[in-house]
Amino acid sequence: MDEKEYITEEKKTALEAELKELTGPKRKSILESLEFAKSLGDLSENAEYHQAREEQSKLEDRIQKIQAILKSPVVIKKHHSNTVDLGSTVTVMKKGESAKKVFTIVGSEETDMAAGKISNRSPLGEALVGKKKGETATFSTPKGTIEYSILDIE
């Protein structure tokens, strides 16, 4: 399985900005909350302290995740190709339906179904990658096999 992190230049910039915010002002704010909660006394029954520790844990987890992604990302660019690949925008039609759908193949960090961005690691993404216009992408779901015809690739 391909474990590389694929991101667009825009997402890379957004992650760098988020990391700067999290390691700077956000981390400082949580540390101040922890200090205040400690000043309230008995830590074993101090809800503010436990809440601040939980926020700190979530913050540090997110920082580690972003750092891992930014360690050696593969930056993808929108491009035109005859085959579906990361960065491709694909127009498809599900078998048995008449409505066309447009998806952009992105890395897992950028997945956003509402914006039509699907992961290259999703069942549909995996089925589409490597296919050409006119071919059919097929994948299995708990409800059965689903087929999409590829109408266009940008």
N, C-alpha and C. Protein backbone atom coordinates (compact mmCIF):
# COMPACT_ATOMS: atom_id res chain seq x y z
N MET A 1 0.85 -1.19 0.00
CA MET A 1 0.00 0.00 0.00
C MET A 1 0.89 1.25 0.00
N ASP A 2 0.48 2.22 -0.76
CA ASP A 2 1.23 3.46 -0.90
C ASP A 2 1.00 4.33 0.33
N GLU A 3 2.04 4.56 1.13
CA GLU A 3 1.90 5.32 2.38
C GLU A 3 2.40 6.75 2.27
N LYS A 4 2.78 7.19 1.07
CA LYS A 4 3.25 8.56 0.91
C LYS A 4 2.09 9.52 1.15
N GLU A 5 2.43 10.72 1.61
CA GLU A 5 1.40 11.75 1.80
C GLU A 5 1.39 12.66 0.59
N TYR A 6 0.31 12.62 -0.16
CA TYR A 6 0.15 13.45 -1.33
C TYR A 6 -0.68 14.67 -0.96
N ILE A 7 -0.15 15.86 -1.23
CA ILE A 7 -0.89 17.08 -0.95
C ILE A 7 -0.63 18.09 -2.07
N THR A 8 -1.57 19.01 -2.21
CA THR A 8 -1.38 20.09 -3.19
C THR A 8 -0.51 21.17 -2.54
N GLU A 9 0.00 22.06 -3.36
CA GLU A 9 0.81 23.17 -2.85
C GLU A 9 -0.03 24.04 -1.90
N GLU A 10 -1.33 24.22 -2.24
CA GLU A 10 -2.21 25.02 -1.39
C GLU A 10 -2.38 24.37 -0.01
N LYS A 11 -2.55 23.04 0.01
CA LYS A 11 -2.71 22.34 1.28
C LYS A 11 -1.41 22.38 2.08
N LYS A 12 -0.28 22.28 1.39
CA LYS A 12 1.01 22.35 2.08
C LYS A 12 1.16 23.70 2.78
N THR A 13 0.82 24.77 2.07
CA THR A 13 0.89 26.11 2.64
C THR A 13 -0.07 26.24 3.83
N ALA A 14 -1.28 25.69 3.69
CA ALA A 14 -2.26 25.76 4.77
C ALA A 14 -1.78 24.97 6.00
N LEU A 15 -1.17 23.81 5.78
CA LEU A 15 -0.66 23.02 6.90
C LEU A 15 0.50 23.72 7.59
N GLU A 16 1.36 24.36 6.82
CA GLU A 16 2.49 25.10 7.40
C GLU A 16 1.97 26.25 8.27
N ALA A 17 0.94 26.94 7.79
CA ALA A 17 0.35 28.04 8.57
C ALA A 17 -0.33 27.51 9.83
N GLU A 18 -1.04 26.38 9.70
CA GLU A 18 -1.69 25.78 10.87
C GLU A 18 -0.65 25.35 11.90
N LEU A 19 0.44 24.75 11.44
CA LEU A 19 1.50 24.31 12.35
C LEU A 19 2.10 25.50 13.09
N LYS A 20 2.32 26.60 12.38
CA LYS A 20 2.87 27.80 13.00
C LYS A 20 1.92 28.32 14.09
N GLU A 21 0.62 28.31 13.81
CA GLU A 21 -0.38 28.76 14.78
C GLU A 21 -0.43 27.82 15.99
N LEU A 22 -0.41 26.53 15.73
CA LEU A 22 -0.52 25.55 16.81
C LEU A 22 0.71 25.55 17.71
N THR A 23 1.90 25.69 17.13
CA THR A 23 3.12 25.65 17.93
C THR A 23 3.44 27.00 18.57
N GLY A 24 2.75 28.03 18.14
CA GLY A 24 2.97 29.36 18.70
C GLY A 24 1.85 29.75 19.65
N PRO A 25 0.94 30.60 19.15
CA PRO A 25 -0.12 31.15 20.01
C PRO A 25 -1.03 30.10 20.66
N LYS A 26 -1.39 29.07 19.93
CA LYS A 26 -2.31 28.07 20.48
C LYS A 26 -1.66 27.30 21.62
N ARG A 27 -0.42 26.87 21.43
CA ARG A 27 0.30 26.14 22.49
C ARG A 27 0.46 27.02 23.72
N LYS A 28 0.80 28.29 23.51
CA LYS A 28 0.97 29.23 24.62
C LYS A 28 -0.34 29.40 25.39
N SER A 29 -1.43 29.52 24.67
CA SER A 29 -2.74 29.68 25.29
C SER A 29 -3.10 28.48 26.17
N ILE A 30 -2.83 27.29 25.67
CA ILE A 30 -3.14 26.09 26.45
C ILE A 30 -2.24 26.00 27.67
N LEU A 31 -0.98 26.35 27.53
CA LEU A 31 -0.07 26.33 28.69
C LEU A 31 -0.53 27.33 29.76
N GLU A 32 -1.02 28.48 29.32
CA GLU A 32 -1.55 29.46 30.27
C GLU A 32 -2.79 28.91 30.97
N SER A 33 -3.64 28.21 30.23
CA SER A 33 -4.83 27.58 30.83
C SER A 33 -4.44 26.53 31.86
N LEU A 34 -3.39 25.77 31.54
CA LEU A 34 -2.90 24.76 32.49
C LEU A 34 -2.39 25.41 33.77
N GLU A 35 -1.61 26.47 33.61
CA GLU A 35 -1.08 27.17 34.79
C GLU A 35 -2.21 27.73 35.66
N PHE A 36 -3.22 28.31 35.00
CA PHE A 36 -4.35 28.85 35.75
C PHE A 36 -5.07 27.72 36.49
N ALA A 37 -5.31 26.59 35.79
CA ALA A 37 -6.02 25.48 36.40
C ALA A 37 -5.23 24.91 37.58
N LYS A 38 -3.90 24.87 37.45
CA LYS A 38 -3.06 24.37 38.56
C LYS A 38 -3.20 25.28 39.78
N SER A 39 -3.36 26.57 39.54
CA SER A 39 -3.46 27.52 40.66
C SER A 39 -4.76 27.37 41.44
N LEU A 40 -5.73 26.64 40.85
CA LEU A 40 -7.01 26.45 41.53
C LEU A 40 -6.94 25.39 42.64
N GLY A 41 -5.83 24.67 42.69
CA GLY A 41 -5.65 23.70 43.78
C GLY A 41 -5.78 22.26 43.34
N ASP A 42 -6.24 21.42 44.25
CA ASP A 42 -6.37 19.97 44.12
C ASP A 42 -6.57 19.50 42.67
N LEU A 43 -5.53 18.94 42.08
CA LEU A 43 -5.58 18.53 40.67
C LEU A 43 -6.44 17.30 40.44
N SER A 44 -6.62 16.47 41.45
CA SER A 44 -7.39 15.23 41.27
C SER A 44 -8.86 15.51 40.97
N GLU A 45 -9.40 16.61 41.46
CA GLU A 45 -10.80 16.94 41.23
C GLU A 45 -10.96 18.28 40.52
N ASN A 46 -9.95 18.66 39.76
CA ASN A 46 -9.94 19.95 39.11
C ASN A 46 -10.35 19.80 37.64
N ALA A 47 -11.63 20.07 37.35
CA ALA A 47 -12.16 19.89 35.99
C ALA A 47 -11.44 20.78 34.97
N GLU A 48 -11.11 22.00 35.37
CA GLU A 48 -10.42 22.91 34.45
C GLU A 48 -9.05 22.35 34.05
N TYR A 49 -8.35 21.77 35.01
CA TYR A 49 -7.03 21.20 34.75
C TYR A 49 -7.15 20.01 33.79
N HIS A 50 -8.12 19.13 34.05
CA HIS A 50 -8.30 17.96 33.19
C HIS A 50 -8.71 18.36 31.77
N GLN A 51 -9.54 19.38 31.66
CA GLN A 51 -9.95 19.89 30.34
C GLN A 51 -8.74 20.47 29.61
N ALA A 52 -7.93 21.24 30.29
CA ALA A 52 -6.74 21.84 29.67
C ALA A 52 -5.75 20.76 29.23
N ARG A 53 -5.59 19.71 30.05
CA ARG A 53 -4.69 18.60 29.69
C ARG A 53 -5.21 17.88 28.44
N GLU A 54 -6.52 17.71 28.36
CA GLU A 54 -7.12 17.05 27.19
C GLU A 54 -6.89 17.90 25.93
N GLU A 55 -7.10 19.20 26.06
CA GLU A 55 -6.85 20.11 24.93
C GLU A 55 -5.39 20.08 24.52
N GLN A 56 -4.50 20.02 25.49
CA GLN A 56 -3.07 19.96 25.20
C GLN A 56 -2.73 18.67 24.45
N SER A 57 -3.32 17.58 24.87
CA SER A 57 -3.08 16.29 24.23
C SER A 57 -3.55 16.31 22.77
N LYS A 58 -4.74 16.85 22.54
CA LYS A 58 -5.26 16.95 21.17
C LYS A 58 -4.37 17.85 20.32
N LEU A 59 -3.92 18.95 20.89
CA LEU A 59 -3.05 19.89 20.18
C LEU A 59 -1.74 19.20 19.79
N GLU A 60 -1.12 18.52 20.73
CA GLU A 60 0.16 17.86 20.45
C GLU A 60 -0.01 16.74 19.42
N ASP A 61 -1.14 16.03 19.46
CA ASP A 61 -1.41 15.00 18.45
C ASP A 61 -1.51 15.62 17.06
N ARG A 62 -2.23 16.74 16.96
CA ARG A 62 -2.39 17.41 15.66
C ARG A 62 -1.03 17.93 15.17
N ILE A 63 -0.24 18.49 16.06
CA ILE A 63 1.09 18.98 15.68
C ILE A 63 1.93 17.83 15.13
N GLN A 64 1.93 16.69 15.80
CA GLN A 64 2.70 15.54 15.34
C GLN A 64 2.22 15.06 13.97
N LYS A 65 0.90 15.06 13.78
CA LYS A 65 0.35 14.61 12.49
C LYS A 65 0.79 15.54 11.37
N ILE A 66 0.68 16.84 11.59
CA ILE A 66 1.08 17.81 10.57
C ILE A 66 2.58 17.69 10.29
N GLN A 67 3.38 17.56 11.34
CA GLN A 67 4.83 17.42 11.14
C GLN A 67 5.15 16.17 10.33
N ALA A 68 4.44 15.09 10.57
CA ALA A 68 4.66 13.85 9.82
C ALA A 68 4.31 14.04 8.35
N ILE A 69 3.21 14.75 8.09
CA ILE A 69 2.79 15.00 6.70
C ILE A 69 3.81 15.89 6.00
N LEU A 70 4.27 16.93 6.70
CA LEU A 70 5.19 17.89 6.09
C LEU A 70 6.64 17.39 6.03
N LYS A 71 6.92 16.28 6.68
CA LYS A 71 8.29 15.75 6.70
C LYS A 71 8.80 15.46 5.29
N SER A 72 7.98 14.81 4.49
CA SER A 72 8.39 14.52 3.11
C SER A 72 7.16 14.31 2.23
N PRO A 73 6.38 15.38 2.05
CA PRO A 73 5.18 15.23 1.23
C PRO A 73 5.52 15.16 -0.26
N VAL A 74 4.62 14.53 -0.99
CA VAL A 74 4.71 14.55 -2.44
C VAL A 74 3.69 15.59 -2.89
N VAL A 75 4.18 16.71 -3.42
CA VAL A 75 3.29 17.80 -3.81
C VAL A 75 2.76 17.50 -5.21
N ILE A 76 1.43 17.44 -5.30
CA ILE A 76 0.79 17.16 -6.59
C ILE A 76 0.28 18.45 -7.21
N LYS A 77 0.27 18.45 -8.51
CA LYS A 77 -0.22 19.62 -9.25
C LYS A 77 -1.33 19.18 -10.17
N LYS A 78 -2.26 20.08 -10.39
CA LYS A 78 -3.32 19.82 -11.34
C LYS A 78 -2.67 19.71 -12.72
N HIS A 79 -3.02 18.68 -13.43
CA HIS A 79 -2.40 18.47 -14.74
C HIS A 79 -3.37 17.76 -15.67
N HIS A 80 -3.08 17.79 -16.94
CA HIS A 80 -3.92 17.12 -17.92
C HIS A 80 -3.20 15.85 -18.35
N SER A 81 -3.93 14.76 -18.35
CA SER A 81 -3.35 13.48 -18.71
C SER A 81 -4.43 12.62 -19.34
N ASN A 82 -4.02 11.57 -20.02
CA ASN A 82 -4.98 10.63 -20.60
C ASN A 82 -5.44 9.59 -19.59
N THR A 83 -4.72 9.49 -18.48
CA THR A 83 -5.10 8.54 -17.44
C THR A 83 -5.35 9.27 -16.12
N VAL A 84 -6.21 8.68 -15.31
CA VAL A 84 -6.54 9.27 -14.02
C VAL A 84 -5.36 9.08 -13.07
N ASP A 85 -4.98 10.17 -12.42
CA ASP A 85 -3.89 10.15 -11.47
C ASP A 85 -4.18 11.20 -10.40
N LEU A 86 -3.33 11.28 -9.39
CA LEU A 86 -3.48 12.32 -8.38
C LEU A 86 -3.47 13.69 -9.05
N GLY A 87 -4.39 14.53 -8.67
CA GLY A 87 -4.49 15.86 -9.26
C GLY A 87 -5.47 15.91 -10.43
N SER A 88 -5.87 14.75 -10.94
CA SER A 88 -6.81 14.71 -12.07
C SER A 88 -8.22 15.04 -11.59
N THR A 89 -8.96 15.72 -12.46
CA THR A 89 -10.38 15.94 -12.24
C THR A 89 -11.11 15.04 -13.22
N VAL A 90 -11.98 14.19 -12.68
CA VAL A 90 -12.61 13.15 -13.48
C VAL A 90 -14.12 13.33 -13.48
N THR A 91 -14.72 13.25 -14.67
CA THR A 91 -16.18 13.28 -14.78
C THR A 91 -16.61 11.84 -15.00
N VAL A 92 -17.51 11.37 -14.13
CA VAL A 92 -17.95 9.98 -14.18
C VAL A 92 -19.47 9.89 -14.12
N MET A 93 -19.97 8.71 -14.48
CA MET A 93 -21.39 8.44 -14.35
C MET A 93 -21.55 7.04 -13.77
N LYS A 94 -22.31 6.97 -12.71
CA LYS A 94 -22.54 5.68 -12.05
C LYS A 94 -23.48 4.85 -12.91
N LYS A 95 -23.19 3.56 -13.05
CA LYS A 95 -24.01 2.65 -13.84
C LYS A 95 -25.44 2.66 -13.31
N GLY A 96 -26.39 2.84 -14.20
CA GLY A 96 -27.80 2.86 -13.81
C GLY A 96 -28.31 4.24 -13.45
N GLU A 97 -27.45 5.26 -13.49
CA GLU A 97 -27.87 6.62 -13.19
C GLU A 97 -27.59 7.52 -14.39
N SER A 98 -28.26 8.67 -14.44
CA SER A 98 -28.03 9.58 -15.56
C SER A 98 -27.27 10.84 -15.14
N ALA A 99 -27.07 11.01 -13.86
CA ALA A 99 -26.39 12.21 -13.36
C ALA A 99 -24.87 12.01 -13.43
N LYS A 100 -24.19 13.03 -13.96
CA LYS A 100 -22.73 13.00 -14.00
C LYS A 100 -22.20 13.54 -12.67
N LYS A 101 -21.05 13.03 -12.27
CA LYS A 101 -20.39 13.52 -11.06
C LYS A 101 -18.95 13.86 -11.42
N VAL A 102 -18.45 14.90 -10.77
CA VAL A 102 -17.07 15.33 -11.02
C VAL A 102 -16.29 15.21 -9.71
N PHE A 103 -15.17 14.51 -9.79
CA PHE A 103 -14.31 14.31 -8.63
C PHE A 103 -12.88 14.71 -8.97
N THR A 104 -12.19 15.25 -7.98
CA THR A 104 -10.75 15.51 -8.10
C THR A 104 -10.06 14.51 -7.19
N ILE A 105 -9.05 13.83 -7.73
CA ILE A 105 -8.32 12.83 -6.96
C ILE A 105 -7.23 13.55 -6.17
N VAL A 106 -7.29 13.42 -4.85
CA VAL A 106 -6.34 14.10 -3.95
C VAL A 106 -5.78 13.10 -2.94
N GLY A 107 -4.81 13.54 -2.17
CA GLY A 107 -4.29 12.72 -1.08
C GLY A 107 -5.30 12.67 0.06
N SER A 108 -5.12 11.72 0.96
CA SER A 108 -6.11 11.50 2.03
C SER A 108 -6.29 12.70 2.95
N GLU A 109 -5.27 13.53 3.12
CA GLU A 109 -5.37 14.69 4.00
C GLU A 109 -6.32 15.76 3.46
N GLU A 110 -6.57 15.75 2.15
CA GLU A 110 -7.40 16.79 1.53
C GLU A 110 -8.80 16.34 1.17
N THR A 111 -9.16 15.12 1.51
CA THR A 111 -10.47 14.58 1.15
C THR A 111 -11.58 15.50 1.64
N ASP A 112 -12.51 15.82 0.73
CA ASP A 112 -13.66 16.66 1.07
C ASP A 112 -14.77 16.34 0.07
N MET A 113 -15.64 15.41 0.45
CA MET A 113 -16.69 14.96 -0.46
C MET A 113 -17.61 16.11 -0.89
N ALA A 114 -17.87 17.04 0.00
CA ALA A 114 -18.74 18.17 -0.34
C ALA A 114 -18.14 19.01 -1.47
N ALA A 115 -16.81 19.06 -1.54
CA ALA A 115 -16.12 19.82 -2.59
C ALA A 115 -15.74 18.93 -3.77
N GLY A 116 -16.14 17.65 -3.73
CA GLY A 116 -15.85 16.74 -4.82
C GLY A 116 -14.41 16.24 -4.84
N LYS A 117 -13.74 16.30 -3.68
CA LYS A 117 -12.35 15.82 -3.59
C LYS A 117 -12.35 14.46 -2.91
N ILE A 118 -11.90 13.44 -3.66
CA ILE A 118 -11.85 12.10 -3.08
C ILE A 118 -10.41 11.62 -2.98
N SER A 119 -10.16 10.81 -1.98
CA SER A 119 -8.82 10.31 -1.72
C SER A 119 -8.42 9.25 -2.73
N ASN A 120 -7.15 9.25 -3.07
CA ASN A 120 -6.61 8.20 -3.92
C ASN A 120 -6.66 6.85 -3.20
N ARG A 121 -6.85 6.87 -1.87
CA ARG A 121 -6.92 5.64 -1.08
C ARG A 121 -8.35 5.15 -0.87
N SER A 122 -9.34 5.94 -1.29
CA SER A 122 -10.74 5.52 -1.14
C SER A 122 -11.02 4.42 -2.17
N PRO A 123 -12.06 3.61 -1.94
CA PRO A 123 -12.38 2.57 -2.92
C PRO A 123 -12.59 3.13 -4.34
N LEU A 124 -13.34 4.22 -4.46
CA LEU A 124 -13.56 4.82 -5.77
C LEU A 124 -12.26 5.40 -6.32
N GLY A 125 -11.50 6.09 -5.48
CA GLY A 125 -10.22 6.66 -5.93
C GLY A 125 -9.28 5.59 -6.44
N GLU A 126 -9.16 4.49 -5.69
CA GLU A 126 -8.29 3.39 -6.11
C GLU A 126 -8.76 2.78 -7.42
N ALA A 127 -10.09 2.70 -7.60
CA ALA A 127 -10.64 2.12 -8.82
C ALA A 127 -10.41 3.04 -10.03
N LEU A 128 -10.43 4.35 -9.81
CA LEU A 128 -10.27 5.30 -10.91
C LEU A 128 -8.81 5.48 -11.35
N VAL A 129 -7.87 5.48 -10.41
CA VAL A 129 -6.46 5.75 -10.72
C VAL A 129 -5.94 4.74 -11.74
N GLY A 130 -5.35 5.28 -12.79
CA GLY A 130 -4.79 4.44 -13.85
C GLY A 130 -5.73 4.17 -15.00
N LYS A 131 -6.99 4.51 -14.86
CA LYS A 131 -7.98 4.28 -15.92
C LYS A 131 -7.96 5.42 -16.93
N LYS A 132 -8.50 5.15 -18.12
CA LYS A 132 -8.57 6.14 -19.19
C LYS A 132 -10.02 6.47 -19.51
N LYS A 133 -10.19 7.56 -20.24
CA LYS A 133 -11.52 7.99 -20.68
C LYS A 133 -12.17 6.85 -21.45
N GLY A 134 -13.44 6.57 -21.12
CA GLY A 134 -14.18 5.50 -21.77
C GLY A 134 -14.13 4.18 -21.02
N GLU A 135 -13.18 4.05 -20.09
CA GLU A 135 -13.08 2.82 -19.31
C GLU A 135 -14.06 2.84 -18.14
N THR A 136 -14.20 1.70 -17.51
CA THR A 136 -15.09 1.57 -16.37
C THR A 136 -14.27 1.27 -15.12
N ALA A 137 -14.58 1.99 -14.05
CA ALA A 137 -13.94 1.76 -12.76
C ALA A 137 -14.93 0.98 -11.90
N THR A 138 -14.49 -0.15 -11.37
CA THR A 138 -15.35 -1.03 -10.60
C THR A 138 -14.75 -1.27 -9.22
N PHE A 139 -15.59 -1.24 -8.21
CA PHE A 139 -15.14 -1.57 -6.85
C PHE A 139 -16.29 -2.17 -6.06
N SER A 140 -15.93 -2.90 -5.01
CA SER A 140 -16.93 -3.59 -4.20
C SER A 140 -17.27 -2.81 -2.95
N THR A 141 -18.54 -2.89 -2.57
CA THR A 141 -19.02 -2.30 -1.33
C THR A 141 -19.84 -3.37 -0.61
N PRO A 142 -20.22 -3.12 0.64
CA PRO A 142 -21.07 -4.10 1.33
C PRO A 142 -22.41 -4.34 0.60
N LYS A 143 -22.85 -3.37 -0.19
CA LYS A 143 -24.11 -3.52 -0.92
C LYS A 143 -23.92 -4.11 -2.31
N GLY A 144 -22.69 -4.43 -2.66
CA GLY A 144 -22.43 -5.03 -3.97
C GLY A 144 -21.40 -4.26 -4.77
N THR A 145 -21.26 -4.64 -6.02
CA THR A 145 -20.28 -4.02 -6.90
C THR A 145 -20.85 -2.75 -7.52
N ILE A 146 -20.03 -1.71 -7.58
CA ILE A 146 -20.44 -0.44 -8.17
C ILE A 146 -19.53 -0.14 -9.35
N GLU A 147 -20.13 0.34 -10.42
CA GLU A 147 -19.37 0.68 -11.62
C GLU A 147 -19.58 2.15 -11.98
N TYR A 148 -18.49 2.80 -12.34
CA TYR A 148 -18.52 4.18 -12.82
C TYR A 148 -17.87 4.21 -14.20
N SER A 149 -18.54 4.83 -15.17
CA SER A 149 -17.93 5.04 -16.48
C SER A 149 -17.20 6.36 -16.46
N ILE A 150 -15.98 6.38 -17.00
CA ILE A 150 -15.20 7.61 -17.03
C ILE A 150 -15.53 8.36 -18.32
N LEU A 151 -16.12 9.54 -18.16
CA LEU A 151 -16.55 10.35 -19.29
C LEU A 151 -15.50 11.34 -19.74
N ASP A 152 -14.74 11.88 -18.78
CA ASP A 152 -13.73 12.89 -19.14
C ASP A 152 -12.67 12.96 -18.03
N ILE A 153 -11.46 13.32 -18.44
CA ILE A 153 -10.36 13.49 -17.50
C ILE A 153 -9.71 14.85 -17.77
N GLU A 154 -9.57 15.65 -16.76
CA GLU A 154 -8.91 16.95 -16.91
C GLU A 154 -7.66 16.98 -16.06
